[in-house]
Amino acid sequence: TGRDYGTLQCFQVLPNKLVKLPDFDPDLAGEGGKKQRMEPRDFVPCRLYEKLCCVQVQRSRQELIVYQLGQNAIGKLCTIDLFTSSEFFSVSVVDNLLVVHGSDARISMVFDVQLHHHTTHPVVAPLP
C-alpha cells in the first residue's frame, strides 16, 4: 500500500478475531540506493522465540532483515548478511532457527536471531 507501494500492512489472525498491526515501510534500498520493487516472495511471516516476525529477503544486498511485529509498533530485530553469491533464496523456519536456502548455489545456511547479537555467521557451516 502507500503512495509509492512501499508500505506493508500486516494482520494477525487469532482464533476469535483479526488484529490489524501497524503498517510499516520495509527497507527497499537496493544497489546504488535505487529503490526495489516489493515482491510477495521477498517477505516471510513467521514466529521466532514466541515473537511474531516478518523476514525480508534483500536479494540485491545479499541479506535478510528481520522485523518484530507488535500491536503498537514494528521494529527491526536484526540484519543478517548471507555471505554467498546466490541470487535465488528461500527461507524456512525450524525450531526458532532461520534456514536460508541458496537454490542456485545449492547451499543451506542456519541462523539464530538470538545469537546474531554475538556473531554474524551461520550457527553451522553452510551445507551443500
Foldseek 3Di string as FASTA:
>chain_A
DDPVQQKDWDWDDDPVDIATFDIDGDDQQAPPRDGDDDDPQQWDWDAAPNFTWIWGQHLRQQKIWIWTTDRHDIGTLDIAHRPDPARDWHWDADNRWIWIARPVVGWIFIDHSVCCVPDRGGPDPIDD
